[in-house]
Amino acid sequence: MTSTNPKSSNLINRDDVNEMIENAIRRHNRRSTIISAILGWILIGGYSFGLFHVVQNI
């Protein structure tokens, strides 16, 4: 008589786990790239605004 484990059908195999991790990393990289680009534009805008103010006052 063989015993079957009912939990074994709910387990996730290694390939599925790797795919989920790769998707999470890809999503994180995409979001962090967008956030970095937005922050970069804000900082460059502030720097250039300040620089133009200094040059205008000279």
C-alpha atoms as a PDB file:
ATOM      1  CA  MET A   1       0.000   0.000   0.000  1.00  0.00           C
ATOM      2  CA  THR A   2       1.411   3.379  -0.976  1.00  0.00           C
ATOM      3  CA  SER A   3       0.637   6.517   0.885  1.00  0.00           C
ATOM      4  CA  THR A   4      -0.006   9.706  -1.015  1.00  0.00           C
ATOM      5  CA  ASN A   5       0.733  13.072   0.450  1.00  0.00           C
ATOM      6  CA  PRO A   6      -2.116  15.536  -0.309  1.00  0.00           C
ATOM      7  CA  LYS A   7       0.249  18.497   0.209  1.00  0.00           C
ATOM      8  CA  SER A   8       2.562  17.404  -2.611  1.00  0.00           C
ATOM      9  CA  SER A   9       0.090  18.630  -5.250  1.00  0.00           C
ATOM     10  CA  ASN A  10       0.288  22.157  -3.772  1.00  0.00           C
ATOM     11  CA  LEU A  11       4.068  22.401  -3.955  1.00  0.00           C
ATOM     12  CA  ILE A  12       5.771  24.673  -6.457  1.00  0.00           C
ATOM     13  CA  ASN A  13       8.627  23.255  -8.463  1.00  0.00           C
ATOM     14  CA  ARG A  14      12.026  24.874  -8.870  1.00  0.00           C
ATOM     15  CA  ASP A  15      11.354  26.221 -12.381  1.00  0.00           C
ATOM     16  CA  ASP A  16       8.217  28.052 -11.248  1.00  0.00           C
ATOM     17  CA  VAL A  17      10.087  29.583  -8.319  1.00  0.00           C
ATOM     18  CA  ASN A  18      12.926  30.727 -10.578  1.00  0.00           C
ATOM     19  CA  GLU A  19      10.429  32.239 -13.009  1.00  0.00           C
ATOM     20  CA  MET A  20       8.654  34.119 -10.203  1.00  0.00           C
ATOM     21  CA  ILE A  21      11.988  35.450  -8.909  1.00  0.00           C
ATOM     22  CA  GLU A  22      13.039  36.574 -12.394  1.00  0.00           C
ATOM     23  CA  ASN A  23       9.694  38.335 -12.895  1.00  0.00           C
ATOM     24  CA  ALA A  24      10.036  40.096  -9.537  1.00  0.00           C
ATOM     25  CA  ILE A  25      13.585  41.224 -10.334  1.00  0.00           C
ATOM     26  CA  ARG A  26      12.522  42.429 -13.786  1.00  0.00           C
ATOM     27  CA  ARG A  27       9.599  44.389 -12.292  1.00  0.00           C
ATOM     28  CA  HIS A  28      11.856  45.888  -9.610  1.00  0.00           C
ATOM     29  CA  ASN A  29      14.473  46.947 -12.179  1.00  0.00           C
ATOM     30  CA  ARG A  30      11.833  48.566 -14.381  1.00  0.00           C
ATOM     31  CA  ARG A  31      10.301  50.525 -11.493  1.00  0.00           C
ATOM     32  CA  SER A  32      13.660  51.599 -10.085  1.00  0.00           C
ATOM     33  CA  THR A  33      14.776  52.791 -13.525  1.00  0.00           C
ATOM     34  CA  ILE A  34      11.650  54.929 -13.902  1.00  0.00           C
ATOM     35  CA  ILE A  35      12.031  56.367 -10.394  1.00  0.00           C
ATOM     36  CA  SER A  36      15.721  57.124 -10.969  1.00  0.00           C
ATOM     37  CA  ALA A  37      14.953  58.849 -14.269  1.00  0.00           C
ATOM     38  CA  ILE A  38      12.284  61.029 -12.663  1.00  0.00           C
ATOM     39  CA  LEU A  39      14.547  61.961  -9.744  1.00  0.00           C
ATOM     40  CA  GLY A  40      17.395  62.674 -12.151  1.00  0.00           C
ATOM     41  CA  TRP A  41      15.262  65.053 -14.211  1.00  0.00           C
ATOM     42  CA  ILE A  42      14.082  66.831 -11.062  1.00  0.00           C
ATOM     43  CA  LEU A  43      17.641  67.256  -9.791  1.00  0.00           C
ATOM     44  CA  ILE A  44      18.972  68.422 -13.168  1.00  0.00           C
ATOM     45  CA  GLY A  45      16.049  70.848 -13.442  1.00  0.00           C
ATOM     46  CA  GLY A  46      16.738  72.275  -9.990  1.00  0.00           C
ATOM     47  CA  TYR A  47      20.443  72.563 -10.686  1.00  0.00           C
ATOM     48  CA  SER A  48      19.927  74.317 -14.023  1.00  0.00           C
ATOM     49  CA  PHE A  49      17.297  76.619 -12.493  1.00  0.00           C
ATOM     50  CA  GLY A  50      19.744  77.649  -9.775  1.00  0.00           C
ATOM     51  CA  LEU A  51      22.579  78.021 -12.254  1.00  0.00           C
ATOM     52  CA  PHE A  52      20.480  80.301 -14.488  1.00  0.00           C
ATOM     53  CA  HIS A  53      19.558  82.418 -11.454  1.00  0.00           C
ATOM     54  CA  VAL A  54      23.238  82.818 -10.530  1.00  0.00           C
ATOM     55  CA  VAL A  55      24.244  83.660 -14.096  1.00  0.00           C
ATOM     56  CA  GLN A  56      21.383  86.142 -14.435  1.00  0.00           C
ATOM     57  CA  ASN A  57      22.449  87.987 -11.282  1.00  0.00           C
ATOM     58  CA  ILE A  58      26.070  88.413 -12.435  1.00  0.00           C
END
